Amino acid sequence: MNTAIIGAGYAGLSAAVELLCHGQSVTVFEASRTLGGRARAVELNGMTVDNGQHILLGACQDTLRLMQTVGASSKQLLKRLPLHLEFPGEFRLSAPHLPAPLHLLTALLCAQGLDWREKWAAIQIMRRLQRAQFSITPDTSVATWLDRHHTPSHQRRLLWEPLCVAALNTTADQASAQMLANVLRDSLASHRAASDLLIPQVNLSALFPEPAAAFITRHGGQVRRNQRVTSLSQTAQGWRINDQDLFDHVVLAVAPYHLAALTPGLASCVKQLTWEPIVTSYLAYPAAVRLAYPMLGVADGMAQWLFDRGQLGGSAGLIAAVISARGRHLDLPSDQLEARIHQEIAKLIPAGIKPQHTHTIIEKRATFSCTPSLLRPVAETGLPGLWLAGDYVTSGDITQDYPATIEGAVRSGVRAARRILTATGN
């Protein structure tokens, strides 16, 4: 069986690795020279950074498994930190090295910045989720779900709303409460290590895509970089790509807004999807500049999270400021946005230090808007031998779906590969 994977992002490469591990023949087509899709390395002022800062959780089991499969050591490539959410001067929550559920209970009870009423309310909302088996029926917005549980506004601002935007890249008034519950179930409410923060210490292309490409090549597959697929046609023998190569199966692992160009009939399956941006501003300070912790939040700021790349295997003094979802920041020119972010960073570093240079990357369609009861396509397209993979593809069970994350993309690639294997009796 010969399978083509169109797109060498995390979803496409995961599908290719999974198929190769079951003895199948694969060829990966990628239009760019750089692998990783919307989670990839970029060159910036002589430095290799990412088109957007990403983190993983200990709950990202499929990503960690495939990293191990292709020889990418998670211990070397990811900085594992116990759950730590901090907005300096306002809020701090740290999970100790205790077995579950004591790690979460202790983290909430010892959280700084919440009073006892707010701590108890947070514990109660997690207990209610557990009793409901993390099912929210009907699916509502996160804001409506929090209203239903009379969640204190201060707790919402410092805990639930930042978690929602970080996990779903969608604001609480628009985001799916069920999708947030899925993430909470697999991370905070699971075993202790599942809630650990896994922060890449290499660029996102080197984290998994490049090791996966090397694995594919070593095992007889092909990764064709700089080869854009311009035509895809169905024949009696299978699927023909660019009027040349013939394949039994094709996995479309491209962004959903590129589907129509390859197969016009698939445009309708993603018509309900809308998009959310991610803005990452890189501010390069003198090498001696460090944050108190590798990842810090900004309460009510222009930036939402700050990452000290110097503490994460990157250039010393380089700070990445991340802003997820739509908001007021999109109305500002880059230089004004960077100036506002510097004002927020200046409160955390020695006085009088200014960035030596700045650069902002705006990924306008970074993820789909993770709204309640969203209709997402399944891996099967209805066309024999043609499959979908991507972070937007559903498992068919809303209680098992993930938002648009690296883990969601990897799971979709694995799922598409396994559907192919099942369909062909392998």
Protein backbone atom coordinates (compact mmCIF):
# COMPACT_ATOMS: atom_id res chain seq x y z
CA MET A 1 0.00 0.00 0.00
CA ASN A 2 1.41 3.34 -1.07
CA THR A 3 0.26 6.47 0.77
CA ALA A 4 0.94 10.13 0.01
CA ILE A 5 0.90 12.67 2.82
CA ILE A 6 0.34 16.22 1.62
CA GLY A 7 1.73 18.59 4.25
CA ALA A 8 4.71 18.10 6.56
CA GLY A 9 3.32 19.68 9.69
CA TYR A 10 2.89 17.79 12.94
CA ALA A 11 -0.27 16.04 11.69
CA GLY A 12 1.15 14.89 8.36
CA LEU A 13 4.45 13.69 9.77
CA SER A 14 2.66 11.84 12.59
CA ALA A 15 0.52 10.01 10.03
CA ALA A 16 3.63 9.12 8.02
CA VAL A 17 5.53 7.79 11.05
CA GLU A 18 2.56 5.75 12.22
CA LEU A 19 2.12 4.17 8.79
CA LEU A 20 5.83 3.40 8.48
CA CYS A 21 5.78 1.71 11.88
CA HIS A 22 3.19 -0.68 10.40
CA GLY A 23 5.29 -1.46 7.35
CA GLN A 24 3.54 0.83 4.88
CA SER A 25 5.15 2.90 2.09
CA VAL A 26 4.82 6.69 2.46
CA THR A 27 5.79 9.80 0.52
CA VAL A 28 5.43 13.22 2.16
CA PHE A 29 4.95 16.32 -0.01
CA GLU A 30 5.78 19.69 1.52
CA ALA A 31 5.59 23.02 -0.31
CA SER A 32 8.14 24.67 1.98
CA ARG A 33 11.74 23.91 2.78
CA THR A 34 10.97 24.22 6.49
CA LEU A 35 8.98 21.46 8.19
CA GLY A 36 6.38 21.97 10.89
CA GLY A 37 3.47 23.79 9.22
CA ARG A 38 2.05 26.43 11.55
CA ALA A 39 4.49 25.31 14.30
CA ARG A 40 7.84 25.83 12.59
CA ALA A 41 11.20 27.55 12.86
CA VAL A 42 11.89 30.95 11.31
CA GLU A 43 15.11 32.93 10.90
CA LEU A 44 15.05 36.26 12.67
CA ASN A 45 17.96 38.69 12.91
CA GLY A 46 20.47 35.86 12.73
CA MET A 47 18.59 33.77 15.29
CA THR A 48 16.42 30.71 14.78
CA VAL A 49 13.13 31.16 16.65
CA ASP A 50 9.56 30.01 16.04
CA ASN A 51 6.64 31.51 14.17
CA GLY A 52 4.81 31.31 17.51
CA GLN A 53 5.77 30.20 21.01
CA HIS A 54 4.19 26.87 21.96
CA ILE A 55 4.22 24.74 25.08
CA LEU A 56 3.12 21.17 25.67
CA LEU A 57 1.82 19.41 28.75
CA GLY A 58 2.77 16.12 30.31
CA ALA A 59 -0.63 14.94 29.07
CA CYS A 60 0.57 15.11 25.43
CA GLN A 61 1.08 11.36 25.31
CA ASP A 62 0.88 10.84 21.54
CA THR A 63 3.41 13.59 20.90
CA LEU A 64 5.80 12.19 23.50
CA ARG A 65 5.36 8.65 22.15
CA LEU A 66 6.11 9.62 18.57
CA MET A 67 9.06 11.76 19.65
CA GLN A 68 10.50 8.66 21.28
CA THR A 69 9.72 6.58 18.17
CA VAL A 70 11.72 8.87 15.88
CA GLY A 71 14.60 9.29 18.31
CA ALA A 72 13.80 12.81 19.55
CA SER A 73 14.58 12.72 23.27
CA SER A 74 11.91 14.57 25.22
CA LYS A 75 14.32 14.84 28.18
CA GLN A 76 16.81 16.75 26.06
CA LEU A 77 14.46 18.73 23.82
CA LEU A 78 11.78 19.71 26.34
CA LYS A 79 12.22 21.50 29.66
CA ARG A 80 9.87 19.76 32.09
CA LEU A 81 8.61 22.01 34.88
CA PRO A 82 5.95 21.30 37.49
CA LEU A 83 2.77 23.28 36.81
CA HIS A 84 3.54 26.90 37.62
CA LEU A 85 1.25 29.79 36.74
CA GLU A 86 2.43 33.16 37.93
CA PHE A 87 1.35 36.75 37.38
CA PRO A 88 4.05 38.61 39.33
CA GLY A 89 2.66 40.51 42.27
CA GLU A 90 -0.89 39.19 41.77
CA PHE A 91 -1.16 35.44 41.54
CA ARG A 92 0.94 32.30 41.86
CA LEU A 93 -0.07 28.65 41.63
CA SER A 94 2.51 25.85 41.79
CA ALA A 95 1.89 22.11 41.85
CA PRO A 96 4.19 20.23 44.28
CA HIS A 97 5.69 16.79 43.66
CA LEU A 98 2.82 14.93 45.28
CA PRO A 99 0.68 12.10 43.90
CA ALA A 100 -2.63 13.03 42.28
CA PRO A 101 -5.01 14.46 43.33
CA LEU A 102 -3.00 15.88 46.24
CA HIS A 103 -0.80 17.87 43.85
CA LEU A 104 -3.79 19.83 42.51
CA LEU A 105 -5.50 20.17 45.89
CA THR A 106 -2.30 21.50 47.48
CA ALA A 107 -1.68 23.82 44.52
CA LEU A 108 -5.13 25.38 44.86
CA LEU A 109 -5.03 25.61 48.67
CA CYS A 110 -1.59 27.25 48.62
CA ALA A 111 -2.26 29.55 45.66
CA GLN A 112 -1.18 33.12 46.32
CA GLY A 113 -3.56 35.87 45.29
CA LEU A 114 -6.83 34.04 46.00
CA ASP A 115 -8.73 34.21 49.26
CA TRP A 116 -10.15 31.09 50.92
CA ARG A 117 -13.58 31.57 49.37
CA GLU A 118 -12.02 31.68 45.90
CA LYS A 119 -9.80 28.68 46.58
CA TRP A 120 -12.76 26.64 47.78
CA ALA A 121 -14.77 27.69 44.71
CA ALA A 122 -11.96 26.46 42.44
CA ILE A 123 -11.81 23.12 44.25
CA GLN A 124 -15.58 22.76 44.02
CA ILE A 125 -15.73 23.42 40.29
CA MET A 126 -13.11 20.71 39.70
CA ARG A 127 -15.03 18.30 41.93
CA ARG A 128 -18.23 18.95 39.99
CA LEU A 129 -16.42 18.29 36.72
CA GLN A 130 -15.11 15.00 38.07
CA ARG A 131 -18.56 13.93 39.23
CA ALA A 132 -19.92 14.73 35.76
CA GLN A 133 -17.04 12.74 34.22
CA PHE A 134 -15.90 15.96 32.57
CA SER A 135 -18.97 16.08 30.36
CA ILE A 136 -20.68 19.45 29.93
CA THR A 137 -24.08 18.91 28.37
CA PRO A 138 -25.08 20.87 26.46
CA ASP A 139 -21.78 22.36 25.43
CA THR A 140 -21.74 26.06 26.32
CA SER A 141 -19.21 28.85 26.39
CA VAL A 142 -16.63 28.88 29.16
CA ALA A 143 -18.07 32.18 30.40
CA THR A 144 -21.58 30.72 30.63
CA TRP A 145 -20.23 27.62 32.40
CA LEU A 146 -18.39 29.79 34.94
CA ASP A 147 -21.52 31.91 35.45
CA ARG A 148 -23.49 28.74 36.11
CA HIS A 149 -21.11 27.89 38.96
CA HIS A 150 -21.08 31.44 40.36
CA THR A 151 -17.32 31.67 39.92
CA PRO A 152 -15.80 34.74 41.65
CA SER A 153 -14.69 37.35 39.14
CA HIS A 154 -11.20 37.69 40.61
CA GLN A 155 -10.63 33.94 40.31
CA ARG A 156 -11.94 33.96 36.75
CA ARG A 157 -9.55 36.74 35.74
CA LEU A 158 -6.45 35.12 37.22
CA LEU A 159 -7.12 31.41 36.74
CA TRP A 160 -9.87 30.21 34.41
CA GLU A 161 -9.80 32.88 31.72
CA PRO A 162 -5.99 32.75 31.22
CA LEU A 163 -6.14 28.94 31.15
CA CYS A 164 -8.95 29.06 28.59
CA VAL A 165 -7.15 31.43 26.22
CA ALA A 166 -3.84 29.58 26.60
CA ALA A 167 -5.38 26.16 25.93
CA LEU A 168 -8.04 27.01 23.33
CA ASN A 169 -6.75 30.25 21.76
CA THR A 170 -10.32 31.52 22.09
CA THR A 171 -11.69 33.98 24.63
CA ALA A 172 -13.89 32.67 27.45
CA ASP A 173 -17.06 34.28 26.10
CA GLN A 174 -16.63 32.38 22.81
CA ALA A 175 -14.76 29.21 23.83
CA SER A 176 -16.19 25.72 24.26
CA ALA A 177 -16.50 24.68 27.90
CA GLN A 178 -16.42 21.00 26.84
CA MET A 179 -13.10 21.47 25.09
CA LEU A 180 -11.63 23.15 28.18
CA ALA A 181 -13.00 20.30 30.30
CA ASN A 182 -11.23 17.78 28.04
CA VAL A 183 -7.91 19.54 28.60
CA LEU A 184 -8.49 19.83 32.36
CA ARG A 185 -9.40 16.13 32.58
CA ASP A 186 -6.21 15.01 30.86
CA SER A 187 -3.88 17.44 32.66
CA LEU A 188 -4.84 18.95 36.01
CA ALA A 189 -7.19 16.13 36.97
CA SER A 190 -4.96 13.29 35.79
CA HIS A 191 -1.73 11.91 37.27
CA ARG A 192 0.78 14.42 38.64
CA ALA A 193 3.17 14.43 35.66
CA ALA A 194 0.29 15.08 33.23
CA SER A 195 0.05 18.68 34.43
CA ASP A 196 3.77 19.37 33.98
CA LEU A 197 4.70 22.16 31.58
CA LEU A 198 6.88 20.94 28.70
CA ILE A 199 8.58 23.95 27.13
CA PRO A 200 10.61 23.36 23.95
CA GLN A 201 14.35 24.01 24.33
CA VAL A 202 14.85 23.84 20.56
CA ASN A 203 12.93 25.38 17.71
CA LEU A 204 9.64 23.71 16.78
CA SER A 205 10.98 22.24 13.53
CA ALA A 206 13.82 20.55 15.43
CA LEU A 207 11.49 19.29 18.17
CA PHE A 208 9.70 16.65 16.08
CA PRO A 209 9.39 17.44 12.34
CA GLU A 210 13.09 17.17 11.44
CA PRO A 211 13.68 13.97 13.49
CA ALA A 212 10.48 12.54 11.96
CA ALA A 213 11.71 13.33 8.43
CA ALA A 214 15.02 11.62 9.18
CA PHE A 215 13.15 8.59 10.55
CA ILE A 216 10.96 8.42 7.45
CA THR A 217 13.99 8.53 5.15
CA ARG A 218 15.86 5.88 7.16
CA HIS A 219 12.89 3.53 6.88
CA GLY A 220 12.47 3.80 3.14
CA GLY A 221 9.96 6.63 2.90
CA GLN A 222 10.40 9.96 1.15
CA VAL A 223 10.06 13.56 2.28
CA ARG A 224 9.87 15.85 -0.77
CA ARG A 225 10.53 19.39 0.36
CA ASN A 226 9.86 22.39 -1.86
CA GLN A 227 7.35 20.31 -3.82
CA ARG A 228 3.96 21.93 -3.90
CA VAL A 229 0.99 19.76 -4.84
CA THR A 230 -0.94 21.65 -7.48
CA SER A 231 -3.28 18.91 -8.69
CA LEU A 232 -4.94 15.90 -7.13
CA SER A 233 -7.14 13.66 -9.27
CA GLN A 234 -8.96 10.40 -8.67
CA THR A 235 -8.45 7.56 -11.13
CA ALA A 236 -9.57 3.95 -11.31
CA GLN A 237 -6.15 2.93 -9.89
CA GLY A 238 -6.03 5.47 -7.05
CA TRP A 239 -5.01 9.11 -6.64
CA ARG A 240 -2.66 10.93 -8.98
CA ILE A 241 -0.60 13.85 -7.69
CA ASN A 242 0.65 16.60 -10.02
CA ASP A 243 -0.36 14.42 -12.98
CA GLN A 244 2.55 12.10 -12.18
CA ASP A 245 2.73 9.92 -9.07
CA LEU A 246 -0.03 7.42 -8.34
CA PHE A 247 -0.99 6.48 -4.76
CA ASP A 248 -3.48 4.10 -3.17
CA HIS A 249 -4.25 6.58 -0.37
CA VAL A 250 -3.75 10.28 0.19
CA VAL A 251 -3.82 12.10 3.54
CA LEU A 252 -4.57 15.80 3.21
CA ALA A 253 -2.64 17.26 6.13
CA VAL A 254 -2.83 20.87 5.00
CA ALA A 255 -4.51 23.81 6.70
CA PRO A 256 -8.29 23.59 6.20
CA TYR A 257 -8.42 26.77 4.13
CA HIS A 258 -6.20 25.04 1.53
CA LEU A 259 -8.52 22.07 1.04
CA ALA A 260 -10.68 23.68 -1.65
CA ALA A 261 -7.68 24.25 -3.93
CA LEU A 262 -6.91 20.53 -3.93
CA THR A 263 -10.39 19.03 -3.73
CA PRO A 264 -13.17 21.61 -4.23
CA GLY A 265 -15.82 19.24 -2.89
CA LEU A 266 -14.26 19.34 0.57
CA ALA A 267 -14.75 23.08 1.06
CA SER A 268 -18.17 22.51 2.64
CA CYS A 269 -16.80 20.31 5.44
CA VAL A 270 -14.85 23.23 6.93
CA LYS A 271 -17.26 26.06 6.19
CA GLN A 272 -18.18 26.48 9.86
CA LEU A 273 -14.60 27.10 10.91
CA THR A 274 -13.45 30.61 11.75
CA TRP A 275 -9.96 31.65 12.77
CA GLU A 276 -8.03 33.03 15.70
CA PRO A 277 -4.61 34.70 15.53
CA ILE A 278 -1.52 34.28 17.68
CA VAL A 279 0.89 37.19 17.98
CA THR A 280 4.46 36.58 19.15
CA SER A 281 6.72 39.57 19.77
CA TYR A 282 10.43 38.90 20.24
CA LEU A 283 12.33 41.50 22.26
CA ALA A 284 16.10 41.06 22.41
CA TYR A 285 17.66 42.53 25.58
CA PRO A 286 21.31 42.37 26.71
CA ALA A 287 22.38 38.80 27.49
CA ALA A 288 22.36 39.40 31.26
CA VAL A 289 18.60 40.03 31.32
CA ARG A 290 16.58 37.16 32.83
CA LEU A 291 13.03 36.73 34.05
CA ALA A 292 12.45 35.28 37.50
CA TYR A 293 10.92 32.19 35.90
CA PRO A 294 11.07 30.80 32.33
CA MET A 295 7.35 31.51 31.80
CA LEU A 296 5.43 34.34 33.44
CA GLY A 297 1.94 35.73 32.91
CA VAL A 298 0.98 39.38 32.55
CA ALA A 299 -2.23 40.26 34.37
CA ASP A 300 -4.40 42.70 32.43
CA GLY A 301 -1.49 43.52 30.14
CA MET A 302 -1.06 43.78 26.42
CA ALA A 303 1.02 40.59 26.45
CA GLN A 304 -0.44 37.48 28.06
CA TRP A 305 2.63 35.28 28.60
CA LEU A 306 6.35 35.98 28.59
CA PHE A 307 8.94 33.31 27.82
CA ASP A 308 12.61 33.75 28.67
CA ARG A 309 14.22 32.04 25.69
CA GLY A 310 17.62 32.27 27.34
CA GLN A 311 16.41 29.87 30.03
CA LEU A 312 14.98 27.56 27.37
CA GLY A 313 18.06 26.81 25.30
CA GLY A 314 17.77 29.95 23.15
CA SER A 315 19.55 33.28 22.94
CA ALA A 316 20.26 34.87 26.32
CA GLY A 317 18.22 38.02 26.84
CA LEU A 318 15.61 37.13 24.24
CA ILE A 319 12.04 37.32 25.56
CA ALA A 320 9.05 36.06 23.58
CA ALA A 321 5.75 37.75 24.41
CA VAL A 322 2.66 35.82 23.34
CA ILE A 323 -0.84 37.16 22.76
CA SER A 324 -3.50 34.59 21.90
CA ALA A 325 -6.91 35.08 20.26
CA ARG A 326 -8.49 38.23 18.94
CA GLY A 327 -8.26 41.47 20.90
CA ARG A 328 -7.31 45.12 21.09
CA HIS A 329 -3.67 44.37 20.29
CA LEU A 330 -4.54 43.71 16.64
CA ASP A 331 -5.42 47.41 16.18
CA LEU A 332 -1.89 48.57 17.02
CA PRO A 333 1.04 48.90 14.60
CA SER A 334 3.88 46.53 15.48
CA ASP A 335 6.15 49.26 16.86
CA GLN A 336 3.46 50.52 19.23
CA LEU A 337 2.59 46.99 20.31
CA GLU A 338 6.26 46.22 21.03
CA ALA A 339 6.60 49.46 23.00
CA ARG A 340 3.62 48.53 25.16
CA ILE A 341 5.02 45.05 25.76
CA HIS A 342 8.40 46.49 26.70
CA GLN A 343 6.69 48.65 29.33
CA GLU A 344 5.29 45.46 30.86
CA ILE A 345 8.62 43.62 30.72
CA ALA A 346 10.42 46.66 32.19
CA LYS A 347 8.61 46.06 35.49
CA LEU A 348 10.29 42.63 35.75
CA ILE A 349 13.89 43.46 34.79
CA PRO A 350 16.48 46.00 36.04
CA ALA A 351 15.51 49.60 35.44
CA GLY A 352 16.59 51.48 32.37
CA ILE A 353 17.26 48.48 30.12
CA LYS A 354 15.75 48.66 26.64
CA PRO A 355 15.53 46.01 23.91
CA GLN A 356 18.30 46.08 21.33
CA HIS A 357 15.90 45.02 18.60
CA THR A 358 12.33 43.76 18.32
CA HIS A 359 10.29 41.76 15.84
CA THR A 360 6.64 40.69 15.80
CA ILE A 361 5.18 37.68 14.01
CA ILE A 362 1.41 37.60 13.46
CA GLU A 363 -0.05 34.23 12.52
CA LYS A 364 -3.49 35.48 11.46
CA ARG A 365 -5.04 32.01 11.10
CA ALA A 366 -3.07 30.21 13.78
CA THR A 367 -6.00 28.07 14.99
CA PHE A 368 -9.69 27.59 14.46
CA SER A 369 -12.04 29.33 16.90
CA CYS A 370 -12.84 26.63 19.46
CA THR A 371 -16.53 27.45 19.92
CA PRO A 372 -19.28 25.35 21.54
CA SER A 373 -20.68 22.37 19.60
CA LEU A 374 -18.53 23.21 16.59
CA LEU A 375 -19.05 20.90 13.60
CA ARG A 376 -15.61 19.63 12.65
CA PRO A 377 -14.89 17.15 9.84
CA VAL A 378 -13.88 13.54 10.49
CA ALA A 379 -10.87 11.82 8.92
CA GLU A 380 -13.03 10.06 6.30
CA THR A 381 -13.84 12.34 3.38
CA GLY A 382 -16.37 10.04 1.72
CA LEU A 383 -14.00 9.62 -1.23
CA PRO A 384 -12.26 6.22 -1.32
CA GLY A 385 -8.64 6.48 -0.26
CA LEU A 386 -8.76 10.20 0.62
CA TRP A 387 -8.36 11.20 4.28
CA LEU A 388 -8.01 14.32 6.42
CA ALA A 389 -5.54 15.06 9.19
CA GLY A 390 -5.05 18.26 11.12
CA ASP A 391 -5.77 19.82 14.48
CA TYR A 392 -9.25 20.77 13.23
CA VAL A 393 -10.33 17.15 12.50
CA THR A 394 -12.66 15.54 15.05
CA SER A 395 -12.39 12.06 16.54
CA GLY A 396 -16.18 11.83 16.29
CA ASP A 397 -16.56 12.16 20.09
CA ILE A 398 -16.65 15.72 21.45
CA THR A 399 -15.59 14.50 24.90
CA GLN A 400 -12.35 13.16 23.40
CA ASP A 401 -11.54 16.02 21.03
CA TYR A 402 -8.78 18.55 21.60
CA PRO A 403 -8.47 22.19 20.62
CA ALA A 404 -6.00 23.30 17.95
CA THR A 405 -2.76 22.28 19.66
CA ILE A 406 0.34 20.30 18.72
CA GLU A 407 -1.10 17.30 20.55
CA GLY A 408 -4.39 17.70 18.68
CA ALA A 409 -2.53 17.71 15.36
CA VAL A 410 -0.46 14.65 16.28
CA ARG A 411 -3.52 12.73 17.42
CA SER A 412 -5.31 13.48 14.17
CA GLY A 413 -2.35 12.20 12.14
CA VAL A 414 -2.20 8.99 14.15
CA ARG A 415 -5.97 8.59 13.80
CA ALA A 416 -5.88 9.03 10.02
CA ALA A 417 -3.09 6.46 9.72
CA ARG A 418 -4.99 3.93 11.82
CA ARG A 419 -8.18 4.47 9.81
CA ILE A 420 -6.18 3.68 6.65
CA LEU A 421 -4.74 0.54 8.22
CA THR A 422 -8.18 -0.60 9.34
CA ALA A 423 -9.74 0.14 5.93
CA THR A 424 -7.10 -1.97 4.20
CA GLY A 425 -7.18 -4.84 6.69
CA ASN A 426 -3.75 -4.14 8.19
